[in-house]
């Protein structure tokens, strides 16, 4: 019902490998990917995908290439690569929550990923 009044849909895709998604989150990503496909069919021109880049988590092996391939097969209006940062650490500490520390991706790696996604025909930043 909200579709006619929604100018932009933001959709996060962390990884497309079901096994890796389950390892990182404890849950399958099948519904996430299916919901993405359905939303893309009805609102591709208003769909912006955000891909967090987390070295040692979803940025290992060929996972980023798999994400780029998936999105190229179902292209959104845009893709934003989001480098991991540690800005949530103080908030987690204040809430008494555990915070997993990862390393921030190198700028050269972010440039490499931007080229990878762009080579697939994706509008990436």
PDB file of N, CA and C in Angstrom:
ATOM      1  N   UNK A   1       0.810  -1.208   0.000  1.00  0.00           N
ATOM      2  CA  UNK A   1       0.000   0.000   0.000  1.00  0.00           C
ATOM      3  C   UNK A   1       0.845   1.260   0.000  1.00  0.00           C
ATOM      4  N   UNK A   2       2.055   1.211   0.527  1.00  0.00           N
ATOM      5  CA  UNK A   2       2.910   2.400   0.603  1.00  0.00           C
ATOM      6  C   UNK A   2       3.645   2.699  -0.700  1.00  0.00           C
ATOM      7  N   UNK A   3       3.626   1.782  -1.622  1.00  0.00           N
ATOM      8  CA  UNK A   3       4.382   1.922  -2.862  1.00  0.00           C
ATOM      9  C   UNK A   3       4.156   3.254  -3.586  1.00  0.00           C
ATOM     10  N   UNK A   4       2.944   3.706  -3.772  1.00  0.00           N
ATOM     11  CA  UNK A   4       2.741   4.962  -4.509  1.00  0.00           C
ATOM     12  C   UNK A   4       3.339   6.199  -3.827  1.00  0.00           C
ATOM     13  N   UNK A   5       3.545   6.149  -2.527  1.00  0.00           N
ATOM     14  CA  UNK A   5       4.054   7.294  -1.784  1.00  0.00           C
ATOM     15  C   UNK A   5       5.537   7.171  -1.427  1.00  0.00           C
ATOM     16  N   UNK A   6       6.184   6.135  -1.896  1.00  0.00           N
ATOM     17  CA  UNK A   6       7.586   5.909  -1.554  1.00  0.00           C
ATOM     18  C   UNK A   6       8.471   6.333  -2.711  1.00  0.00           C
ATOM     19  N   UNK A   7       9.342   7.299  -2.455  1.00  0.00           N
ATOM     20  CA  UNK A   7      10.228   7.806  -3.494  1.00  0.00           C
ATOM     21  C   UNK A   7      11.493   6.979  -3.632  1.00  0.00           C
ATOM     22  N   UNK A   8      11.950   6.383  -2.524  1.00  0.00           N
ATOM     23  CA  UNK A   8      13.210   5.650  -2.550  1.00  0.00           C
ATOM     24  C   UNK A   8      13.156   4.496  -1.559  1.00  0.00           C
ATOM     25  N   UNK A   9      13.540   3.328  -2.022  1.00  0.00           N
ATOM     26  CA  UNK A   9      13.676   2.156  -1.163  1.00  0.00           C
ATOM     27  C   UNK A   9      15.160   1.896  -0.950  1.00  0.00           C
ATOM     28  N   UNK A  10      15.588   1.811   0.293  1.00  0.00           N
ATOM     29  CA  UNK A  10      16.959   1.440   0.622  1.00  0.00           C
ATOM     30  C   UNK A  10      16.954  -0.031   1.006  1.00  0.00           C
ATOM     31  N   UNK A  11      17.847  -0.785   0.392  1.00  0.00           N
ATOM     32  CA  UNK A  11      17.873  -2.230   0.636  1.00  0.00           C
ATOM     33  C   UNK A  11      19.316  -2.647   0.865  1.00  0.00           C
ATOM     34  N   UNK A  12      19.586  -3.280   1.976  1.00  0.00           N
ATOM     35  CA  UNK A  12      20.931  -3.757   2.285  1.00  0.00           C
ATOM     36  C   UNK A  12      21.100  -5.194   1.820  1.00  0.00           C
ATOM     37  N   UNK A  13      22.203  -5.447   1.155  1.00  0.00           N
ATOM     38  CA  UNK A  13      22.590  -6.809   0.785  1.00  0.00           C
ATOM     39  C   UNK A  13      23.983  -7.017   1.358  1.00  0.00           C
ATOM     40  N   UNK A  14      24.067  -7.865   2.368  1.00  0.00           N
ATOM     41  CA  UNK A  14      25.356  -8.105   3.021  1.00  0.00           C
ATOM     42  C   UNK A  14      26.172  -9.167   2.312  1.00  0.00           C
ATOM     43  N   UNK A  15      25.487 -10.190   1.836  1.00  0.00           N
ATOM     44  CA  UNK A  15      26.127 -11.256   1.068  1.00  0.00           C
ATOM     45  C   UNK A  15      25.036 -12.070   0.388  1.00  0.00           C
ATOM     46  N   UNK A  16      25.420 -12.839  -0.614  1.00  0.00           N
ATOM     47  CA  UNK A  16      24.426 -13.666  -1.292  1.00  0.00           C
ATOM     48  C   UNK A  16      24.632 -15.152  -1.019  1.00  0.00           C
ATOM     49  N   UNK A  17      25.792 -15.512  -0.551  1.00  0.00           N
ATOM     50  CA  UNK A  17      26.047 -16.903  -0.189  1.00  0.00           C
ATOM     51  C   UNK A  17      25.243 -17.239   1.067  1.00  0.00           C
ATOM     52  N   UNK A  18      24.338 -18.192   0.924  1.00  0.00           N
ATOM     53  CA  UNK A  18      23.477 -18.563   2.051  1.00  0.00           C
ATOM     54  C   UNK A  18      24.294 -19.068   3.238  1.00  0.00           C
ATOM     55  N   UNK A  19      25.323 -19.850   2.953  1.00  0.00           N
ATOM     56  CA  UNK A  19      26.143 -20.396   4.040  1.00  0.00           C
ATOM     57  C   UNK A  19      26.868 -19.285   4.792  1.00  0.00           C
ATOM     58  N   UNK A  20      27.431 -18.327   4.051  1.00  0.00           N
ATOM     59  CA  UNK A  20      28.143 -17.227   4.696  1.00  0.00           C
ATOM     60  C   UNK A  20      27.167 -16.354   5.482  1.00  0.00           C
ATOM     61  N   UNK A  21      26.011 -16.085   4.929  1.00  0.00           N
ATOM     62  CA  UNK A  21      25.022 -15.274   5.636  1.00  0.00           C
ATOM     63  C   UNK A  21      24.624 -15.946   6.945  1.00  0.00           C
ATOM     64  N   UNK A  22      24.409 -17.250   6.899  1.00  0.00           N
ATOM     65  CA  UNK A  22      24.042 -17.982   8.116  1.00  0.00           C
ATOM     66  C   UNK A  22      25.188 -17.937   9.131  1.00  0.00           C
ATOM     67  N   UNK A  23      26.425 -18.072   8.644  1.00  0.00           N
ATOM     68  CA  UNK A  23      27.592 -18.006   9.543  1.00  0.00           C
ATOM     69  C   UNK A  23      27.681 -16.644  10.227  1.00  0.00           C
ATOM     70  N   UNK A  24      27.433 -15.565   9.481  1.00  0.00           N
ATOM     71  CA  UNK A  24      27.593 -14.218  10.021  1.00  0.00           C
ATOM     72  C   UNK A  24      26.415 -13.748  10.855  1.00  0.00           C
ATOM     73  N   UNK A  25      25.204 -14.192  10.503  1.00  0.00           N
ATOM     74  CA  UNK A  25      24.014 -13.658  11.178  1.00  0.00           C
ATOM     75  C   UNK A  25      23.218 -14.696  11.957  1.00  0.00           C
ATOM     76  N   UNK A  26      23.471 -15.966  11.675  1.00  0.00           N
ATOM     77  CA  UNK A  26      22.705 -17.018  12.321  1.00  0.00           C
ATOM     78  C   UNK A  26      21.419 -17.346  11.592  1.00  0.00           C
ATOM     79  N   UNK A  27      21.155 -16.653  10.493  1.00  0.00           N
ATOM     80  CA  UNK A  27      19.915 -16.850   9.745  1.00  0.00           C
ATOM     81  C   UNK A  27      20.202 -17.006   8.252  1.00  0.00           C
ATOM     82  N   UNK A  28      19.257 -17.609   7.574  1.00  0.00           N
ATOM     83  CA  UNK A  28      19.329 -17.734   6.119  1.00  0.00           C
ATOM     84  C   UNK A  28      19.017 -16.387   5.469  1.00  0.00           C
ATOM     85  N   UNK A  29      19.493 -16.199   4.263  1.00  0.00           N
ATOM     86  CA  UNK A  29      19.178 -14.971   3.537  1.00  0.00           C
ATOM     87  C   UNK A  29      18.225 -15.219   2.367  1.00  0.00           C
ATOM     88  N   UNK A  30      17.646 -16.396   2.290  1.00  0.00           N
ATOM     89  CA  UNK A  30      16.760 -16.719   1.170  1.00  0.00           C
ATOM     90  C   UNK A  30      15.586 -15.749   1.072  1.00  0.00           C
ATOM     91  N   UNK A  31      14.953 -15.450   2.181  1.00  0.00           N
ATOM     92  CA  UNK A  31      13.808 -14.526   2.168  1.00  0.00           C
ATOM     93  C   UNK A  31      14.270 -13.109   1.812  1.00  0.00           C
ATOM     94  N   UNK A  32      15.424 -12.716   2.299  1.00  0.00           N
ATOM     95  CA  UNK A  32      15.967 -11.389   1.996  1.00  0.00           C
ATOM     96  C   UNK A  32      16.159 -11.229   0.490  1.00  0.00           C
ATOM     97  N   UNK A  33      16.781 -12.223  -0.135  1.00  0.00           N
ATOM     98  CA  UNK A  33      17.042 -12.147  -1.570  1.00  0.00           C
ATOM     99  C   UNK A  33      15.754 -12.241  -2.381  1.00  0.00           C
ATOM    100  N   UNK A  34      14.821 -13.057  -1.939  1.00  0.00           N
ATOM    101  CA  UNK A  34      13.546 -13.163  -2.635  1.00  0.00           C
ATOM    102  C   UNK A  34      12.760 -11.853  -2.524  1.00  0.00           C
ATOM    103  N   UNK A  35      12.754 -11.256  -1.337  1.00  0.00           N
ATOM    104  CA  UNK A  35      12.074  -9.972  -1.173  1.00  0.00           C
ATOM    105  C   UNK A  35      12.728  -8.897  -2.036  1.00  0.00           C
ATOM    106  N   UNK A  36      14.046  -8.950  -2.160  1.00  0.00           N
ATOM    107  CA  UNK A  36      14.741  -8.004  -3.039  1.00  0.00           C
ATOM    108  C   UNK A  36      14.258  -8.168  -4.481  1.00  0.00           C
ATOM    109  N   UNK A  37      14.217  -9.402  -4.952  1.00  0.00           N
ATOM    110  CA  UNK A  37      13.774  -9.647  -6.330  1.00  0.00           C
ATOM    111  C   UNK A  37      12.352  -9.115  -6.551  1.00  0.00           C
ATOM    112  N   UNK A  38      11.488  -9.349  -5.598  1.00  0.00           N
ATOM    113  CA  UNK A  38      10.095  -8.894  -5.727  1.00  0.00           C
ATOM    114  C   UNK A  38      10.007  -7.370  -5.732  1.00  0.00           C
ATOM    115  N   UNK A  39      10.731  -6.723  -4.832  1.00  0.00           N
ATOM    116  CA  UNK A  39      10.731  -5.262  -4.792  1.00  0.00           C
ATOM    117  C   UNK A  39      11.327  -4.692  -6.063  1.00  0.00           C
ATOM    118  N   UNK A  40      12.374  -5.305  -6.559  1.00  0.00           N
ATOM    119  CA  UNK A  40      13.020  -4.833  -7.771  1.00  0.00           C
ATOM    120  C   UNK A  40      12.069  -4.904  -8.965  1.00  0.00           C
ATOM    121  N   UNK A  41      11.232  -5.915  -9.015  1.00  0.00           N
ATOM    122  CA  UNK A  41      10.274  -6.051 -10.119  1.00  0.00           C
ATOM    123  C   UNK A  41       9.268  -4.906 -10.163  1.00  0.00           C
ATOM    124  N   UNK A  42       8.917  -4.366  -9.017  1.00  0.00           N
ATOM    125  CA  UNK A  42       7.885  -3.329  -8.990  1.00  0.00           C
ATOM    126  C   UNK A  42       8.429  -1.921  -8.781  1.00  0.00           C
ATOM    127  N   UNK A  43       9.701  -1.781  -8.390  1.00  0.00           N
ATOM    128  CA  UNK A  43      10.221  -0.438  -8.089  1.00  0.00           C
ATOM    129  C   UNK A  43      11.716  -0.310  -8.382  1.00  0.00           C
ATOM    130  N   UNK A  44      12.207  -0.910  -9.455  1.00  0.00           N
ATOM    131  CA  UNK A  44      13.640  -0.889  -9.754  1.00  0.00           C
ATOM    132  C   UNK A  44      14.195   0.524  -9.858  1.00  0.00           C
ATOM    133  N   UNK A  45      13.415   1.436 -10.407  1.00  0.00           N
ATOM    134  CA  UNK A  45      13.889   2.806 -10.598  1.00  0.00           C
ATOM    135  C   UNK A  45      13.970   3.597  -9.293  1.00  0.00           C
ATOM    136  N   UNK A  46      13.428   3.039  -8.213  1.00  0.00           N
ATOM    137  CA  UNK A  46      13.450   3.708  -6.907  1.00  0.00           C
ATOM    138  C   UNK A  46      14.183   2.874  -5.864  1.00  0.00           C
ATOM    139  N   UNK A  47      15.018   1.952  -6.324  1.00  0.00           N
ATOM    140  CA  UNK A  47      15.663   1.002  -5.424  1.00  0.00           C
ATOM    141  C   UNK A  47      17.165   1.268  -5.345  1.00  0.00           C
ATOM    142  N   UNK A  48      17.642   1.589  -4.160  1.00  0.00           N
ATOM    143  CA  UNK A  48      19.065   1.809  -3.909  1.00  0.00           C
ATOM    144  C   UNK A  48      19.554   0.694  -2.987  1.00  0.00           C
ATOM    145  N   UNK A  49      20.549  -0.022  -3.442  1.00  0.00           N
ATOM    146  CA  UNK A  49      21.110  -1.113  -2.638  1.00  0.00           C
ATOM    147  C   UNK A  49      22.372  -0.629  -1.949  1.00  0.00           C
ATOM    148  N   UNK A  50      22.467  -0.938  -0.669  1.00  0.00           N
ATOM    149  CA  UNK A  50      23.662  -0.617   0.117  1.00  0.00           C
ATOM    150  C   UNK A  50      24.358  -1.930   0.451  1.00  0.00           C
ATOM    151  N   UNK A  51      25.651  -1.967   0.190  1.00  0.00           N
ATOM    152  CA  UNK A  51      26.446  -3.164   0.455  1.00  0.00           C
ATOM    153  C   UNK A  51      27.536  -2.795   1.462  1.00  0.00           C
ATOM    154  N   UNK A  52      27.402  -3.242   2.715  1.00  0.00           N
ATOM    155  CA  UNK A  52      28.488  -2.991   3.661  1.00  0.00           C
ATOM    156  C   UNK A  52      29.696  -3.830   3.280  1.00  0.00           C
ATOM    157  N   UNK A  53      30.867  -3.242   3.362  1.00  0.00           N
ATOM    158  CA  UNK A  53      32.109  -3.950   3.033  1.00  0.00           C
ATOM    159  C   UNK A  53      32.860  -4.152   4.340  1.00  0.00           C
ATOM    160  N   UNK A  54      32.893  -5.415   4.801  1.00  0.00           N
ATOM    161  CA  UNK A  54      33.471  -5.734   6.098  1.00  0.00           C
ATOM    162  C   UNK A  54      34.588  -6.760   5.901  1.00  0.00           C
ATOM    163  N   UNK A  55      35.853  -6.299   5.899  1.00  0.00           N
ATOM    164  CA  UNK A  55      36.973  -7.226   5.717  1.00  0.00           C
ATOM    165  C   UNK A  55      36.930  -8.350   6.751  1.00  0.00           C
ATOM    166  N   UNK A  56      37.165  -9.555   6.285  1.00  0.00           N
ATOM    167  CA  UNK A  56      37.160 -10.717   7.170  1.00  0.00           C
ATOM    168  C   UNK A  56      35.778 -11.270   7.427  1.00  0.00           C
ATOM    169  N   UNK A  57      34.746 -10.566   6.979  1.00  0.00           N
ATOM    170  CA  UNK A  57      33.369 -11.049   7.148  1.00  0.00           C
ATOM    171  C   UNK A  57      32.787 -11.302   5.764  1.00  0.00           C
ATOM    172  N   UNK A  58      32.149 -10.290   5.182  1.00  0.00           N
ATOM    173  CA  UNK A  58      31.576 -10.510   3.850  1.00  0.00           C
ATOM    174  C   UNK A  58      32.553 -10.175   2.720  1.00  0.00           C
ATOM    175  N   UNK A  59      33.672  -9.564   3.050  1.00  0.00           N
ATOM    176  CA  UNK A  59      34.689  -9.263   2.034  1.00  0.00           C
ATOM    177  C   UNK A  59      35.837 -10.263   2.154  1.00  0.00           C
ATOM    178  N   UNK A  60      35.519 -11.472   1.750  1.00  0.00           N
ATOM    179  CA  UNK A  60      36.528 -12.534   1.727  1.00  0.00           C
ATOM    180  C   UNK A  60      36.191 -13.479   0.591  1.00  0.00           C
ATOM    181  N   UNK A  61      37.198 -14.120   0.084  1.00  0.00           N
ATOM    182  CA  UNK A  61      36.975 -15.018  -1.037  1.00  0.00           C
ATOM    183  C   UNK A  61      36.343 -14.270  -2.193  1.00  0.00           C
ATOM    184  N   UNK A  62      35.404 -14.897  -2.839  1.00  0.00           N
ATOM    185  CA  UNK A  62      34.742 -14.312  -4.005  1.00  0.00           C
ATOM    186  C   UNK A  62      33.365 -13.743  -3.667  1.00  0.00           C
ATOM    187  N   UNK A  63      33.085 -13.512  -2.399  1.00  0.00           N
ATOM    188  CA  UNK A  63      31.728 -13.084  -2.021  1.00  0.00           C
ATOM    189  C   UNK A  63      31.326 -11.766  -2.663  1.00  0.00           C
ATOM    190  N   UNK A  64      32.199 -10.783  -2.700  1.00  0.00           N
ATOM    191  CA  UNK A  64      31.823  -9.499  -3.303  1.00  0.00           C
ATOM    192  C   UNK A  64      31.544  -9.662  -4.798  1.00  0.00           C
ATOM    193  N   UNK A  65      32.265 -10.544  -5.465  1.00  0.00           N
ATOM    194  CA  UNK A  65      31.981 -10.819  -6.882  1.00  0.00           C
ATOM    195  C   UNK A  65      30.610 -11.470  -7.017  1.00  0.00           C
ATOM    196  N   UNK A  66      30.255 -12.339  -6.078  1.00  0.00           N
ATOM    197  CA  UNK A  66      28.924 -12.964  -6.109  1.00  0.00           C
ATOM    198  C   UNK A  66      27.824 -11.915  -5.882  1.00  0.00           C
ATOM    199  N   UNK A  67      28.067 -10.978  -4.977  1.00  0.00           N
ATOM    200  CA  UNK A  67      27.092  -9.913  -4.738  1.00  0.00           C
ATOM    201  C   UNK A  67      26.932  -9.076  -6.016  1.00  0.00           C
ATOM    202  N   UNK A  68      28.049  -8.720  -6.641  1.00  0.00           N
ATOM    203  CA  UNK A  68      27.997  -7.934  -7.878  1.00  0.00           C
ATOM    204  C   UNK A  68      27.252  -8.696  -8.969  1.00  0.00           C
ATOM    205  N   UNK A  69      27.509  -9.992  -9.095  1.00  0.00           N
ATOM    206  CA  UNK A  69      26.812 -10.805 -10.097  1.00  0.00           C
ATOM    207  C   UNK A  69      25.309 -10.852  -9.823  1.00  0.00           C
ATOM    208  N   UNK A  70      24.939 -11.050  -8.565  1.00  0.00           N
ATOM    209  CA  UNK A  70      23.524 -11.094  -8.201  1.00  0.00           C
ATOM    210  C   UNK A  70      22.836  -9.781  -8.573  1.00  0.00           C
ATOM    211  N   UNK A  71      23.449  -8.666  -8.189  1.00  0.00           N
ATOM    212  CA  UNK A  71      22.842  -7.369  -8.467  1.00  0.00           C
ATOM    213  C   UNK A  71      22.810  -7.067  -9.961  1.00  0.00           C
ATOM    214  N   UNK A  72      23.824  -7.497 -10.683  1.00  0.00           N
ATOM    215  CA  UNK A  72      23.831  -7.287 -12.132  1.00  0.00           C
ATOM    216  C   UNK A  72      22.692  -8.059 -12.791  1.00  0.00           C
ATOM    217  N   UNK A  73      22.336  -9.196 -12.226  1.00  0.00           N
ATOM    218  CA  UNK A  73      21.223  -9.978 -12.744  1.00  0.00           C
ATOM    219  C   UNK A  73      19.867  -9.398 -12.390  1.00  0.00           C
ATOM    220  N   UNK A  74      19.848  -8.528 -11.402  1.00  0.00           N
ATOM    221  CA  UNK A  74      18.624  -7.877 -10.930  1.00  0.00           C
ATOM    222  C   UNK A  74      18.980  -6.434 -10.583  1.00  0.00           C
ATOM    223  N   UNK A  75      19.355  -5.617 -11.571  1.00  0.00           N
ATOM    224  CA  UNK A  75      19.951  -4.315 -11.257  1.00  0.00           C
ATOM    225  C   UNK A  75      19.003  -3.311 -10.593  1.00  0.00           C
ATOM    226  N   UNK A  76      19.488  -2.687  -9.524  1.00  0.00           N
ATOM    227  CA  UNK A  76      18.750  -1.602  -8.882  1.00  0.00           C
ATOM    228  C   UNK A  76      19.107  -0.280  -9.572  1.00  0.00           C
ATOM    229  N   UNK A  77      18.485   0.802  -9.126  1.00  0.00           N
ATOM    230  CA  UNK A  77      18.824   2.119  -9.658  1.00  0.00           C
ATOM    231  C   UNK A  77      20.261   2.498  -9.300  1.00  0.00           C
ATOM    232  N   UNK A  78      20.698   2.104  -8.103  1.00  0.00           N
ATOM    233  CA  UNK A  78      22.064   2.427  -7.682  1.00  0.00           C
ATOM    234  C   UNK A  78      22.544   1.437  -6.624  1.00  0.00           C
ATOM    235  N   UNK A  79      23.870   1.396  -6.493  1.00  0.00           N
ATOM    236  CA  UNK A  79      24.519   0.562  -5.476  1.00  0.00           C
ATOM    237  C   UNK A  79      25.494   1.459  -4.724  1.00  0.00           C
ATOM    238  N   UNK A  80      25.440   1.400  -3.405  1.00  0.00           N
ATOM    239  CA  UNK A  80      26.380   2.157  -2.583  1.00  0.00           C
ATOM    240  C   UNK A  80      27.213   1.178  -1.764  1.00  0.00           C
ATOM    241  N   UNK A  81      28.519   1.219  -1.970  1.00  0.00           N
ATOM    242  CA  UNK A  81      29.431   0.393  -1.183  1.00  0.00           C
ATOM    243  C   UNK A  81      29.768   1.159   0.098  1.00  0.00           C
ATOM    244  N   UNK A  82      29.473   0.562   1.237  1.00  0.00           N
ATOM    245  CA  UNK A  82      29.665   1.219   2.528  1.00  0.00           C
ATOM    246  C   UNK A  82      30.829   0.586   3.278  1.00  0.00           C
ATOM    247  N   UNK A  83      31.942   1.299   3.424  1.00  0.00           N
ATOM    248  CA  UNK A  83      33.059   0.721   4.172  1.00  0.00           C
ATOM    249  C   UNK A  83      32.723   0.598   5.652  1.00  0.00           C
ATOM    250  N   UNK A  84      33.103  -0.531   6.222  1.00  0.00           N
ATOM    251  CA  UNK A  84      32.916  -0.741   7.662  1.00  0.00           C
ATOM    252  C   UNK A  84      33.596   0.387   8.435  1.00  0.00           C
ATOM    253  N   UNK A  85      32.971   0.810   9.533  1.00  0.00           N
ATOM    254  CA  UNK A  85      33.563   1.792  10.442  1.00  0.00           C
ATOM    255  C   UNK A  85      33.229   1.380  11.864  1.00  0.00           C
ATOM    256  N   UNK A  86      33.890   1.986  12.795  1.00  0.00           N
ATOM    257  CA  UNK A  86      33.726   1.625  14.211  1.00  0.00           C
ATOM    258  C   UNK A  86      32.842   2.614  14.979  1.00  0.00           C
ATOM    259  N   UNK A  87      32.002   3.356  14.304  1.00  0.00           N
ATOM    260  CA  UNK A  87      31.201   4.382  14.970  1.00  0.00           C
ATOM    261  C   UNK A  87      30.172   3.813  15.940  1.00  0.00           C
ATOM    262  N   UNK A  88      29.841   2.543  15.795  1.00  0.00           N
ATOM    263  CA  UNK A  88      28.854   1.949  16.695  1.00  0.00           C
ATOM    264  C   UNK A  88      29.438   1.437  18.005  1.00  0.00           C
ATOM    265  N   UNK A  89      30.749   1.404  18.132  1.00  0.00           N
ATOM    266  CA  UNK A  89      31.389   0.847  19.329  1.00  0.00           C
ATOM    267  C   UNK A  89      30.978   1.572  20.615  1.00  0.00           C
ATOM    268  N   UNK A  90      31.048   2.901  20.670  1.00  0.00           N
ATOM    269  CA  UNK A  90      30.651   3.579  21.920  1.00  0.00           C
ATOM    270  C   UNK A  90      29.182   3.342  22.282  1.00  0.00           C
ATOM    271  N   UNK A  91      28.319   3.298  21.290  1.00  0.00           N
ATOM    272  CA  UNK A  91      26.903   3.068  21.567  1.00  0.00           C
ATOM    273  C   UNK A  91      26.698   1.664  22.134  1.00  0.00           C
ATOM    274  N   UNK A  92      27.351   0.672  21.536  1.00  0.00           N
ATOM    275  CA  UNK A  92      27.238  -0.696  22.037  1.00  0.00           C
ATOM    276  C   UNK A  92      27.752  -0.783  23.469  1.00  0.00           C
ATOM    277  N   UNK A  93      28.866  -0.138  23.733  1.00  0.00           N
ATOM    278  CA  UNK A  93      29.444  -0.147  25.082  1.00  0.00           C
ATOM    279  C   UNK A  93      28.478   0.493  26.078  1.00  0.00           C
ATOM    280  N   UNK A  94      27.882   1.622  25.703  1.00  0.00           N
ATOM    281  CA  UNK A  94      26.942   2.309  26.587  1.00  0.00           C
ATOM    282  C   UNK A  94      25.712   1.456  26.880  1.00  0.00           C
ATOM    283  N   UNK A  95      25.345   0.593  25.930  1.00  0.00           N
ATOM    284  CA  UNK A  95      24.191  -0.286  26.109  1.00  0.00           C
ATOM    285  C   UNK A  95      24.575  -1.615  26.758  1.00  0.00           C
ATOM    286  N   UNK A  96      25.873  -1.790  27.044  1.00  0.00           N
ATOM    287  CA  UNK A  96      26.326  -3.029  27.653  1.00  0.00           C
ATOM    288  C   UNK A  96      26.308  -4.206  26.691  1.00  0.00           C
ATOM    289  N   UNK A  97      26.410  -3.911  25.406  1.00  0.00           N
ATOM    290  CA  UNK A  97      26.373  -4.959  24.378  1.00  0.00           C
ATOM    291  C   UNK A  97      27.782  -5.266  23.888  1.00  0.00           C
ATOM    292  N   UNK A  98      27.972  -6.507  23.474  1.00  0.00           N
ATOM    293  CA  UNK A  98      29.235  -6.889  22.874  1.00  0.00           C
ATOM    294  C   UNK A  98      29.333  -6.246  21.490  1.00  0.00           C
ATOM    295  N   UNK A  99      30.530  -5.857  21.104  1.00  0.00           N
ATOM    296  CA  UNK A  99      30.740  -5.232  19.798  1.00  0.00           C
ATOM    297  C   UNK A  99      31.900  -5.932  19.117  1.00  0.00           C
ATOM    298  N   UNK A 100      31.628  -6.551  17.993  1.00  0.00           N
ATOM    299  CA  UNK A 100      32.676  -7.238  17.249  1.00  0.00           C
ATOM    300  C   UNK A 100      33.456  -6.216  16.451  1.00  0.00           C
ATOM    301  N   UNK A 101      34.740  -6.172  16.672  1.00  0.00           N
ATOM    302  CA  UNK A 101      35.599  -5.232  15.956  1.00  0.00           C
ATOM    303  C   UNK A 101      36.149  -5.891  14.699  1.00  0.00           C
ATOM    304  N   UNK A 102      35.974  -5.235  13.577  1.00  0.00           N
ATOM    305  CA  UNK A 102      36.584  -5.648  12.327  1.00  0.00           C
ATOM    306  C   UNK A 102      37.533  -4.542  11.907  1.00  0.00           C
ATOM    307  N   UNK A 103      38.336  -4.805  10.910  1.00  0.00           N
ATOM    308  CA  UNK A 103      39.198  -3.758  10.382  1.00  0.00           C
ATOM    309  C   UNK A 103      38.446  -2.994   9.308  1.00  0.00           C
ATOM    310  N   UNK A 104      38.803  -1.761   9.148  1.00  0.00           N
ATOM    311  CA  UNK A 104      38.202  -0.945   8.104  1.00  0.00           C
ATOM    312  C   UNK A 104      38.867  -1.286   6.775  1.00  0.00           C
ATOM    313  N   UNK A 105      38.096  -1.327   5.686  1.00  0.00           N
ATOM    314  CA  UNK A 105      38.703  -1.646   4.394  1.00  0.00           C
ATOM    315  C   UNK A 105      39.623  -0.522   3.923  1.00  0.00           C
ATOM    316  N   UNK A 106      40.675  -0.903   3.261  1.00  0.00           N
ATOM    317  CA  UNK A 106      41.608   0.068   2.695  1.00  0.00           C
ATOM    318  C   UNK A 106      40.932   0.816   1.546  1.00  0.00           C
ATOM    319  N   UNK A 107      41.262   2.084   1.361  1.00  0.00           N
ATOM    320  CA  UNK A 107      40.704   2.833   0.235  1.00  0.00           C
ATOM    321  C   UNK A 107      40.960   2.153  -1.117  1.00  0.00           C
ATOM    322  N   UNK A 108      42.115   1.531  -1.262  1.00  0.00           N
ATOM    323  CA  UNK A 108      42.414   0.836  -2.525  1.00  0.00           C
ATOM    324  C   UNK A 108      41.445  -0.326  -2.743  1.00  0.00           C
ATOM    325  N   UNK A 109      41.063  -1.001  -1.670  1.00  0.00           N
ATOM    326  CA  UNK A 109      40.102  -2.097  -1.793  1.00  0.00           C
ATOM    327  C   UNK A 109      38.727  -1.560  -2.191  1.00  0.00           C
ATOM    328  N   UNK A 110      38.333  -0.449  -1.616  1.00  0.00           N
ATOM    329  CA  UNK A 110      37.045   0.139  -1.979  1.00  0.00           C
ATOM    330  C   UNK A 110      37.042   0.548  -3.452  1.00  0.00           C
ATOM    331  N   UNK A 111      38.153   1.089  -3.932  1.00  0.00           N
ATOM    332  CA  UNK A 111      38.262   1.449  -5.352  1.00  0.00           C
ATOM    333  C   UNK A 111      38.173   0.205  -6.228  1.00  0.00           C
ATOM    334  N   UNK A 112      38.833  -0.861  -5.801  1.00  0.00           N
ATOM    335  CA  UNK A 112      38.795  -2.120  -6.547  1.00  0.00           C
ATOM    336  C   UNK A 112      37.362  -2.654  -6.638  1.00  0.00           C
ATOM    337  N   UNK A 113      36.643  -2.610  -5.532  1.00  0.00           N
ATOM    338  CA  UNK A 113      35.261  -3.088  -5.524  1.00  0.00           C
ATOM    339  C   UNK A 113      34.363  -2.199  -6.380  1.00  0.00           C
ATOM    340  N   UNK A 114      34.598  -0.903  -6.338  1.00  0.00           N
ATOM    341  CA  UNK A 114      33.807   0.006  -7.176  1.00  0.00           C
ATOM    342  C   UNK A 114      34.002  -0.362  -8.650  1.00  0.00           C
ATOM    343  N   UNK A 115      35.232  -0.634  -9.043  1.00  0.00           N
ATOM    344  CA  UNK A 115      35.493  -1.035 -10.435  1.00  0.00           C
ATOM    345  C   UNK A 115      34.817  -2.358 -10.754  1.00  0.00           C
ATOM    346  N   UNK A 116      34.837  -3.297  -9.818  1.00  0.00           N
ATOM    347  CA  UNK A 116      34.207  -4.604 -10.020  1.00  0.00           C
ATOM    348  C   UNK A 116      32.697  -4.446 -10.270  1.00  0.00           C
ATOM    349  N   UNK A 117      32.031  -3.671  -9.430  1.00  0.00           N
ATOM    350  CA  UNK A 117      30.589  -3.485  -9.568  1.00  0.00           C
ATOM    351  C   UNK A 117      30.263  -2.697 -10.838  1.00  0.00           C
ATOM    352  N   UNK A 118      31.065  -1.672 -11.131  1.00  0.00           N
ATOM    353  CA  UNK A 118      30.837  -0.869 -12.336  1.00  0.00           C
ATOM    354  C   UNK A 118      31.032  -1.712 -13.597  1.00  0.00           C
ATOM    355  N   UNK A 119      32.001  -2.635 -13.567  1.00  0.00           N
ATOM    356  CA  UNK A 119      32.244  -3.503 -14.724  1.00  0.00           C
ATOM    357  C   UNK A 119      31.059  -4.402 -15.017  1.00  0.00           C
ATOM    358  N   UNK A 120      30.214  -4.607 -14.018  1.00  0.00           N
ATOM    359  CA  UNK A 120      28.998  -5.417 -14.200  1.00  0.00           C
ATOM    360  C   UNK A 120      27.833  -4.567 -14.701  1.00  0.00           C
ATOM    361  N   UNK A 121      28.101  -3.291 -14.982  1.00  0.00           N
ATOM    362  CA  UNK A 121      27.060  -2.399 -15.485  1.00  0.00           C
ATOM    363  C   UNK A 121      26.238  -1.732 -14.402  1.00  0.00           C
ATOM    364  N   UNK A 122      26.683  -1.807 -13.168  1.00  0.00           N
ATOM    365  CA  UNK A 122      25.931  -1.234 -12.055  1.00  0.00           C
ATOM    366  C   UNK A 122      26.315   0.225 -11.822  1.00  0.00           C
ATOM    367  N   UNK A 123      25.347   1.038 -11.451  1.00  0.00           N
ATOM    368  CA  UNK A 123      25.566   2.435 -11.089  1.00  0.00           C
ATOM    369  C   UNK A 123      26.033   2.423  -9.636  1.00  0.00           C
ATOM    370  N   UNK A 124      27.336   2.510  -9.420  1.00  0.00           N
ATOM    371  CA  UNK A 124      27.908   2.301  -8.084  1.00  0.00           C
ATOM    372  C   UNK A 124      28.654   3.535  -7.603  1.00  0.00           C
ATOM    373  N   UNK A 125      28.576   3.730  -6.299  1.00  0.00           N
ATOM    374  CA  UNK A 125      29.378   4.788  -5.654  1.00  0.00           C
ATOM    375  C   UNK A 125      29.888   4.279  -4.328  1.00  0.00           C
TER     376      UNK A 125
END
